[in-house]
Protein backbone atom coordinates (compact mmCIF):
# COMPACT_ATOMS: atom_id res chain seq x y z
CA MET A 1 12.89 5.26 6.06
CA SER A 2 12.57 8.63 4.23
CA ALA A 3 9.84 11.21 4.70
CA ILE A 4 8.19 12.72 1.77
CA SER A 5 10.14 15.56 0.23
CA LEU A 6 9.92 16.06 -3.59
CA THR A 7 11.34 18.65 -5.96
CA ASN A 8 8.17 18.93 -7.82
CA PRO A 9 5.64 20.68 -5.53
CA ALA A 10 2.66 19.81 -7.71
CA VAL A 11 3.36 16.00 -7.63
CA GLU A 12 4.21 16.34 -3.82
CA ARG A 13 0.78 17.83 -3.40
CA ILE A 14 -1.11 15.02 -5.24
CA LEU A 15 0.87 12.41 -3.44
CA ARG A 16 0.11 13.90 -0.04
CA HIS A 17 -3.63 14.24 -0.95
CA LEU A 18 -3.70 10.53 -2.06
CA LEU A 19 -2.32 9.49 1.22
CA ALA A 20 -4.39 11.72 3.43
CA TYR A 21 -7.49 10.55 1.67
CA GLY A 22 -6.36 6.84 2.42
CA GLN A 23 -5.89 7.78 5.98
CA SER A 24 -9.30 9.49 6.38
CA LEU A 25 -10.97 6.27 5.09
CA SER A 26 -8.79 3.92 7.37
CA ALA A 27 -7.57 2.20 4.22
CA ASN A 28 -5.74 -0.94 4.67
CA LEU A 29 -4.25 -0.95 1.17
CA LEU A 30 -3.70 1.55 -1.46
CA VAL A 31 -2.88 0.32 -5.13
CA ILE A 32 -1.92 2.48 -8.02
CA GLU A 33 -1.71 1.03 -11.58
CA PRO A 34 -2.71 1.59 -15.13
CA SER A 35 -6.50 1.48 -15.64
CA PRO A 36 -7.59 -1.98 -17.04
CA GLU A 37 -10.28 -0.13 -18.92
CA ASP A 38 -8.36 3.03 -20.14
CA ASN A 39 -4.69 3.09 -20.74
CA SER A 40 -4.81 6.73 -20.79
CA GLN A 41 -5.55 6.75 -17.02
CA TYR A 42 -4.15 5.38 -13.91
CA LEU A 43 -6.45 3.81 -11.36
CA VAL A 44 -6.10 4.59 -7.57
CA SER A 45 -7.78 2.09 -5.37
CA TYR A 46 -8.27 2.02 -1.64
CA ARG A 47 -9.18 -1.40 0.31
CA LEU A 48 -11.17 -0.51 3.15
CA PRO A 49 -11.62 -2.68 6.34
CA ASP A 50 -14.64 -4.30 5.28
CA ASN A 51 -13.02 -5.20 1.84
CA SER A 52 -15.20 -2.60 0.07
CA GLN A 53 -13.22 -0.28 -2.37
CA SER A 54 -12.92 3.39 -3.07
CA ASN A 55 -11.57 4.22 -6.49
CA PHE A 56 -10.58 7.29 -8.74
CA LEU A 57 -8.59 8.07 -11.78
CA LEU A 58 -5.50 10.20 -12.60
CA PRO A 59 -4.34 11.28 -15.98
CA THR A 60 -1.50 8.92 -17.14
CA ASN A 61 1.18 11.84 -16.87
CA LEU A 62 0.11 12.38 -13.18
CA GLY A 63 -0.20 8.68 -12.50
CA GLN A 64 3.34 7.95 -13.82
CA ALA A 65 4.62 11.08 -11.75
CA VAL A 66 3.40 9.73 -8.77
CA LEU A 67 4.70 6.18 -9.20
CA THR A 68 8.00 7.55 -9.88
CA ALA A 69 7.94 9.80 -6.77
CA LEU A 70 6.97 6.95 -4.65
CA LYS A 71 9.63 4.66 -5.89
CA GLU A 72 12.33 7.31 -5.15
CA GLN A 73 10.88 7.93 -1.66
CA SER A 74 10.74 4.27 -0.88
CA LYS A 75 14.03 3.60 -2.81
CA ILE A 76 12.53 0.94 -5.18
CA ASN A 77 14.50 0.03 -8.26
CA ASN A 78 14.94 -2.91 -10.57
CA ARG A 79 16.71 -4.86 -7.86
CA GLN A 80 14.97 -3.64 -4.79
CA ARG A 81 11.28 -4.24 -5.03
CA GLU A 82 10.13 -3.38 -1.44
CA GLY A 83 10.68 -0.27 0.55
CA GLN A 84 9.19 2.29 3.15
CA PHE A 85 8.70 5.95 3.70
CA THR A 86 6.91 8.25 6.22
CA PHE A 87 4.07 10.39 5.74
CA ILE A 88 3.03 12.98 8.47
CA TYR A 89 -0.87 12.99 8.89
CA GLU A 90 -2.49 15.09 11.47
CA ASP A 91 0.90 15.68 13.12
CA GLN A 92 1.54 11.91 13.46
CA PRO A 93 4.03 9.98 11.38
CA VAL A 94 2.48 7.06 9.32
CA TYR A 95 4.88 4.43 7.92
CA TYR A 96 4.01 2.88 4.52
CA GLN A 97 5.25 -0.43 3.43
CA VAL A 98 5.67 -0.26 -0.58
CA THR A 99 5.90 -3.15 -2.91
CA ALA A 100 6.36 -3.21 -6.59
CA LEU A 101 4.28 -5.90 -8.14
CA ALA A 102 5.17 -4.75 -11.65
CA HIS A 103 6.76 -2.04 -13.61
CA ALA A 104 3.76 0.25 -13.30
CA LYS A 105 1.86 -1.21 -10.10
CA LEU A 106 2.50 -0.07 -6.63
CA VAL A 107 0.90 -1.49 -3.55
CA LEU A 108 1.08 0.80 -0.41
CA GLN A 109 0.30 -0.72 3.08
CA PRO A 110 0.09 1.75 6.19
CA ILE A 111 2.04 -0.50 8.84
CA ASN A 112 1.38 1.51 12.14
CA SER A 113 -2.12 2.84 11.45
CA GLN A 114 -5.21 1.72 13.46
CA PRO A 115 -7.80 0.79 10.85
CA LEU A 116 -10.99 -0.98 11.82
CA ILE A 117 -10.78 -4.79 11.63
CA ALA A 118 -13.68 -6.26 9.65
CA PRO A 119 -15.67 -8.85 11.61
CA ALA A 120 -14.62 -12.28 10.68
CA HIS A 121 -18.08 -13.32 9.35
CA SER A 122 -18.01 -10.29 6.91
CA LEU A 123 -15.18 -11.60 5.03
CA GLY A 124 -16.96 -13.85 2.80
CA TRP A 125 -17.16 -17.20 4.94
CA GLU A 126 -20.10 -19.39 4.16
CA THR A 127 -21.73 -20.06 7.54
CA PRO A 128 -20.85 -23.87 7.86
CA ASP A 129 -17.20 -23.06 7.18
CA PHE A 130 -17.12 -20.36 9.64
CA GLU A 131 -18.55 -22.41 12.21
CA LEU A 132 -16.04 -25.18 11.41
CA LEU A 133 -13.15 -22.65 11.78
CA LYS A 134 -14.38 -21.00 14.87
CA GLN A 135 -14.95 -24.51 16.78
CA THR A 136 -11.49 -25.66 15.66
CA VAL A 137 -9.77 -22.30 17.00
CA MET A 138 -11.88 -22.57 20.16
CA SER A 139 -11.05 -26.29 20.78
CA GLY A 140 -7.81 -25.32 22.78
CA GLN A 141 -5.29 -27.57 21.05
CA GLY A 142 -3.88 -28.38 17.69
CA LEU A 143 -2.55 -26.71 14.65
CA VAL A 144 -4.43 -24.48 12.16
CA ILE A 145 -2.66 -23.37 9.04
CA PHE A 146 -3.71 -20.32 7.03
CA LEU A 147 -2.03 -20.60 3.49
CA GLY A 148 -2.25 -18.73 0.14
CA PRO A 149 0.17 -16.65 -2.27
CA ARG A 150 1.32 -13.35 -1.19
CA LEU A 151 -1.43 -10.53 -0.85
CA SER A 152 -4.15 -13.05 -0.56
CA GLY A 153 -5.70 -11.71 2.66
CA LYS A 154 -4.37 -14.39 4.98
CA THR A 155 -3.43 -11.82 7.78
CA SER A 156 -6.70 -9.94 7.61
CA SER A 157 -8.46 -13.24 8.06
CA ILE A 158 -6.25 -14.27 11.15
CA TYR A 159 -6.63 -11.06 12.68
CA SER A 160 -10.37 -10.86 12.26
CA ILE A 161 -10.93 -14.55 13.76
CA LEU A 162 -8.60 -13.52 16.69
CA ASN A 163 -10.51 -10.28 17.34
CA THR A 164 -13.76 -12.23 17.14
CA ILE A 165 -12.96 -14.75 19.58
CA LYS A 166 -10.72 -12.81 22.12
CA SER A 167 -11.98 -12.48 25.66
CA PRO A 168 -10.57 -11.70 29.05
CA GLN A 169 -10.35 -15.51 29.61
CA LEU A 170 -8.39 -16.25 26.66
CA ASN A 171 -4.62 -15.42 26.68
CA ILE A 172 -3.70 -14.89 22.79
CA THR A 173 -0.02 -14.27 21.92
CA THR A 174 1.26 -13.46 18.31
CA ILE A 175 4.89 -13.62 17.14
CA GLU A 176 5.27 -11.40 14.07
CA ASP A 177 8.12 -9.85 12.29
CA GLN A 178 6.14 -6.71 11.76
CA PRO A 179 2.62 -6.60 13.17
CA LYS A 180 0.28 -5.19 10.46
CA LEU A 181 -2.31 -3.81 13.08
CA ARG A 182 -2.24 -3.41 16.80
CA LEU A 183 -4.95 -5.70 18.40
CA SER A 184 -6.36 -4.70 21.80
CA ASP A 185 -6.22 -7.31 24.53
CA ILE A 186 -3.95 -9.49 22.64
CA ASN A 187 -0.05 -9.82 23.36
CA GLN A 188 1.69 -9.01 20.20
CA ILE A 189 5.45 -9.84 20.09
CA GLN A 190 7.55 -8.12 17.38
CA ARG A 191 10.36 -10.81 16.68
CA GLN A 192 13.69 -9.20 16.48
CA TYR A 193 16.20 -9.99 13.71
CA LYS A 194 18.17 -13.12 14.24
CA VAL A 195 16.11 -14.18 17.35
CA ASP A 196 15.95 -17.94 17.33
CA ILE A 197 12.26 -18.96 16.83
CA ASN A 198 12.46 -22.12 19.03
CA GLN A 199 13.81 -20.21 21.97
CA LEU A 200 11.22 -17.56 21.53
CA LEU A 201 8.40 -20.27 21.42
CA ARG A 202 9.79 -21.75 24.61
CA SER A 203 9.86 -18.49 26.23
CA VAL A 204 6.34 -17.61 25.14
CA ALA A 205 5.22 -21.06 26.49
CA THR A 206 6.11 -20.05 29.99
CA THR A 207 3.26 -17.36 29.94
CA ASP A 208 0.69 -20.03 29.36
CA PRO A 209 -1.07 -18.81 26.28
CA ASP A 210 -4.24 -20.54 25.12
CA ILE A 211 -3.47 -19.40 21.38
CA ILE A 212 -0.21 -18.78 19.69
CA TYR A 213 -0.13 -17.06 16.13
CA LEU A 214 3.05 -17.48 14.13
CA ASN A 215 3.16 -15.38 10.96
CA HIS A 216 5.56 -17.37 8.89
CA LEU A 217 7.41 -20.74 8.89
CA ASP A 218 11.09 -20.54 9.96
CA SER A 219 13.17 -22.98 8.14
CA ASP A 220 14.89 -23.70 11.56
CA LEU A 221 11.58 -24.37 13.32
CA ASP A 222 11.74 -27.69 15.49
CA LEU A 223 8.66 -29.58 14.61
CA SER A 224 8.83 -31.62 17.82
CA LEU A 225 8.73 -28.45 19.77
CA LEU A 226 5.57 -27.43 17.69
CA THR A 227 4.08 -30.91 18.34
CA ASP A 228 4.43 -30.65 21.97
CA LEU A 229 3.03 -27.06 22.02
CA THR A 230 -0.14 -28.19 20.19
CA SER A 231 -0.78 -30.91 22.57
CA SER A 232 -2.20 -28.30 25.06
CA LYS A 233 -2.51 -25.13 22.97
CA LEU A 234 -3.89 -23.84 19.79
CA VAL A 235 -1.20 -22.77 17.23
CA ILE A 236 -2.14 -20.80 14.15
CA LEU A 237 0.50 -20.84 11.46
CA ARG A 238 0.61 -18.58 8.48
CA LEU A 239 2.26 -20.01 5.38
CA GLN A 240 2.91 -18.57 1.92
CA ALA A 241 1.97 -21.57 -0.36
CA ASP A 242 -0.02 -21.95 -3.59
CA SER A 243 -1.78 -25.04 -2.64
CA LEU A 244 -2.85 -27.46 0.35
CA LEU A 245 -0.24 -29.93 -0.81
CA SER A 246 2.52 -27.38 -1.17
CA ALA A 247 1.88 -26.19 2.38
CA LEU A 248 2.22 -29.80 3.66
CA GLN A 249 5.51 -30.27 1.75
CA GLN A 250 7.08 -27.13 3.32
CA LEU A 251 6.42 -28.73 6.74
CA SER A 252 7.93 -32.06 5.54
CA SER A 253 10.99 -30.39 4.10
CA LEU A 254 12.15 -28.72 7.25
CA ALA A 255 15.44 -29.68 8.66
CA ASN A 256 14.01 -30.35 12.14
CA TYR A 257 11.21 -32.58 10.76
CA ASP A 258 8.93 -34.53 13.21
CA ALA A 259 6.40 -36.88 11.65
CA ALA A 260 4.29 -36.58 14.90
CA ILE A 261 3.15 -33.03 13.75
CA TRP A 262 0.51 -34.44 11.28
CA PRO A 263 -2.06 -35.68 13.46
CA ARG A 264 -1.80 -32.49 15.43
CA ILE A 265 -2.94 -30.56 12.46
CA LYS A 266 -6.66 -29.80 12.86
CA LEU A 267 -7.47 -27.73 9.95
CA LEU A 268 -5.85 -25.89 6.83
CA VAL A 269 -7.44 -22.86 5.31
CA ASN A 270 -6.48 -21.97 1.74
CA GLN A 271 -7.41 -18.35 0.71
CA ARG A 272 -7.48 -16.40 -2.38
CA LEU A 273 -8.83 -12.86 -3.22
CA VAL A 274 -10.96 -11.93 -6.34
CA LYS A 275 -12.23 -8.75 -7.42
CA LYS A 276 -15.79 -7.92 -5.86
CA ASN A 277 -18.68 -6.96 -8.16
CA CYS A 278 -19.58 -3.21 -7.81
CA ALA A 279 -23.03 -3.13 -6.21
CA HIS A 280 -23.93 0.18 -7.96
CA CYS A 281 -23.81 -1.18 -11.39
CA LEU A 282 -24.47 -4.83 -10.98
CA VAL A 283 -26.61 -6.70 -13.77
CA LYS A 284 -28.00 -10.11 -13.90
CA GLY A 285 -27.79 -12.38 -16.81
CA LYS A 286 -27.35 -15.90 -18.22
CA LEU A 287 -23.89 -17.22 -19.46
CA ASP A 288 -23.56 -17.14 -23.17
CA TYR A 289 -22.68 -20.27 -25.42
CA TYR A 290 -19.02 -19.14 -25.59
CA THR A 291 -18.65 -18.63 -21.80
CA LEU A 292 -20.18 -22.14 -21.09
CA ASP A 293 -17.93 -23.66 -23.71
CA ASP A 294 -14.90 -22.02 -22.05
CA LEU A 295 -16.10 -23.44 -18.67
CA HIS A 296 -16.50 -26.89 -19.89
CA ASN A 297 -13.03 -27.02 -21.45
CA GLN A 298 -11.29 -25.07 -18.62
CA PHE A 299 -12.82 -27.05 -15.66
CA GLU A 300 -13.56 -30.38 -17.53
CA LEU A 301 -17.11 -30.16 -16.85
CA ASP A 302 -19.28 -33.26 -17.91
CA ASP A 303 -22.39 -31.19 -18.18
CA THR A 304 -22.99 -27.37 -18.34
CA ARG A 305 -26.96 -27.49 -18.40
CA ALA A 306 -27.31 -26.74 -14.81
CA LEU A 307 -25.13 -23.56 -15.43
CA ARG A 308 -27.30 -22.57 -18.37
CA GLN A 309 -30.26 -22.26 -15.96
CA LEU A 310 -28.42 -20.05 -13.41
CA ASP A 311 -28.15 -16.22 -13.20
CA PHE A 312 -24.72 -14.88 -12.65
CA TYR A 313 -23.74 -11.07 -12.31
CA GLN A 314 -21.20 -8.63 -13.64
CA GLY A 315 -20.73 -4.94 -12.81
CA GLN A 316 -21.15 -2.89 -16.04
CA GLY A 317 -18.93 0.01 -14.91
CA CYS A 318 -19.83 3.28 -13.46
CA LEU A 319 -18.34 6.36 -11.67
CA ASN A 320 -18.27 4.58 -8.22
CA CYS A 321 -15.97 1.92 -9.34
CA GLY A 322 -13.80 3.87 -11.91
CA HIS A 323 -15.83 2.20 -14.77
CA SER A 324 -14.05 -1.20 -13.86
CA GLY A 325 -17.35 -2.95 -12.81
CA TYR A 326 -15.47 -3.93 -9.52
CA ALA A 327 -15.32 -2.41 -6.02
CA GLY A 328 -13.24 -4.18 -3.28
CA GLN A 329 -12.22 -7.54 -2.85
CA GLN A 330 -13.87 -10.86 -2.14
CA ALA A 331 -12.15 -13.72 -0.21
CA LEU A 332 -12.44 -17.21 -1.40
CA PHE A 333 -11.71 -20.17 1.12
CA GLU A 334 -10.80 -23.77 0.95
CA LEU A 335 -10.99 -25.85 4.16
CA LEU A 336 -9.31 -29.07 4.73
CA PRO A 337 -9.90 -30.73 8.06
CA MET A 338 -7.04 -33.20 8.72
CA SER A 339 -8.27 -36.75 8.14
CA GLU A 340 -6.80 -39.96 9.86
CA ASP A 341 -6.09 -41.39 6.47
CA LEU A 342 -4.17 -38.30 5.25
CA ALA A 343 -2.44 -38.04 8.51
CA THR A 344 -1.14 -41.53 8.00
CA ALA A 345 -0.14 -41.03 4.37
CA LEU A 346 1.80 -38.02 5.37
CA THR A 347 3.50 -39.95 8.12
CA GLN A 348 4.52 -42.80 5.53
CA ASN A 349 5.77 -40.32 3.32
CA ASN A 350 3.47 -41.38 0.53
CA HIS A 351 3.74 -40.20 -3.00
CA LYS A 352 2.29 -36.71 -3.88
CA THR A 353 -0.50 -38.14 -6.13
CA LYS A 354 -1.75 -40.44 -3.31
CA LEU A 355 -1.66 -37.27 -1.12
CA GLN A 356 -3.46 -34.98 -3.47
CA ASP A 357 -6.12 -37.69 -3.91
CA LEU A 358 -6.65 -37.94 -0.19
CA ILE A 359 -6.72 -34.05 0.01
CA SER A 360 -9.56 -33.97 -2.54
CA GLN A 361 -11.53 -36.55 -0.58
CA SER A 362 -11.09 -34.81 2.72
CA LEU A 363 -12.13 -31.37 1.61
CA ALA A 364 -15.01 -29.64 3.34
CA THR A 365 -15.08 -26.81 0.93
CA SER A 366 -13.03 -26.48 -2.21
CA LEU A 367 -11.80 -23.23 -3.68
CA PHE A 368 -13.80 -24.11 -6.98
CA GLU A 369 -17.05 -24.67 -5.02
CA ASP A 370 -16.73 -21.52 -2.86
CA ALA A 371 -15.85 -19.50 -6.14
CA PHE A 372 -18.90 -20.62 -8.03
CA LEU A 373 -21.22 -20.12 -4.96
CA LYS A 374 -20.06 -16.37 -4.65
CA ALA A 375 -20.37 -15.84 -8.27
CA ALA A 376 -23.89 -17.20 -8.08
CA LYS A 377 -24.59 -14.87 -5.24
CA GLY A 378 -23.31 -12.01 -7.24
CA GLN A 379 -20.50 -11.17 -5.23
CA THR A 380 -17.98 -11.81 -8.04
CA SER A 381 -17.81 -12.47 -11.82
CA ILE A 382 -17.35 -15.53 -13.86
CA SER A 383 -14.43 -13.90 -15.59
CA GLN A 384 -12.83 -13.45 -12.23
CA ILE A 385 -13.23 -17.26 -11.47
CA GLN A 386 -11.72 -18.08 -14.83
CA ALA A 387 -8.84 -15.71 -14.21
CA LEU A 388 -8.17 -17.35 -10.77
CA PHE A 389 -7.91 -20.96 -12.01
């Protein structure tokens, strides 16, 4: 892991300023990319603990120079899309994980800083959904699965709910490759390379935890062991998956598969992130004919008359949001309580069409519903929903 040392002093000063500013904000994430509104500038975005955002713009030549410098420092190239580097802030080292999402877009995440953890209820949960999640996690047994694509906010949501429910009476243990944050009053185990997950779980079980968090699904995980654990403990599992069905299929494809796991699943939480409307330049209006027609075609809506009567919101762009109309990110959630019919169908290895029908019937809240609800509240825009789906 290299420390910042550049041959161009001007670029080094700018880079150090960008990183120091992020540390002063306790930013969880720093994104550098070409501005979507002006291709002559680069947009620098800081995601803050409450999911709000701070932005400013760099001229293209400086933005490109900073991107090139970051790639050199973290040893990112066409083959290697991830890397790390060290930055000294107030005489303390800060380690950054760098991910190249596109040729001209980098995401930087401090991996040992201590930013504030946003309260779980502030992340965008609707009250019934949050109560369902909280009751399930506090039930003391079963399996809860958080899923979504990469960088969809799964870890932030899990950390927030753990931070919300923790107490001296609860023994909470996490097993993670690299903890993103240090959580007080929670036992966080950093899993060492090549350590067998099943042996580690058995070892953790001897400490009698009430809740165990696993930050990813190992291909050699023994589902019979997980089934046994979830009979007396609550296990939270984080999965990288694009859909609820895909997450369930990942479990069924494990080498050490055990169909007894299905009734042990209590809840699946599918999460996405969309851009959040800037509160400083928000305007209200009705959807025009062309947008209504696009929604009708995209979502196969039988009737758009109700949508015509609703007010929706869009940021117009201002200095506070870098003229993008957006500031921060908004989480969307889809909740699936495991039903008896779905568990039976999974046990019988029914066809995926049957499984998808049962998933749709069992949903407490769909992504589609949550997305439109948040758009109607002004938290995100209709264009963001169309881009998501």
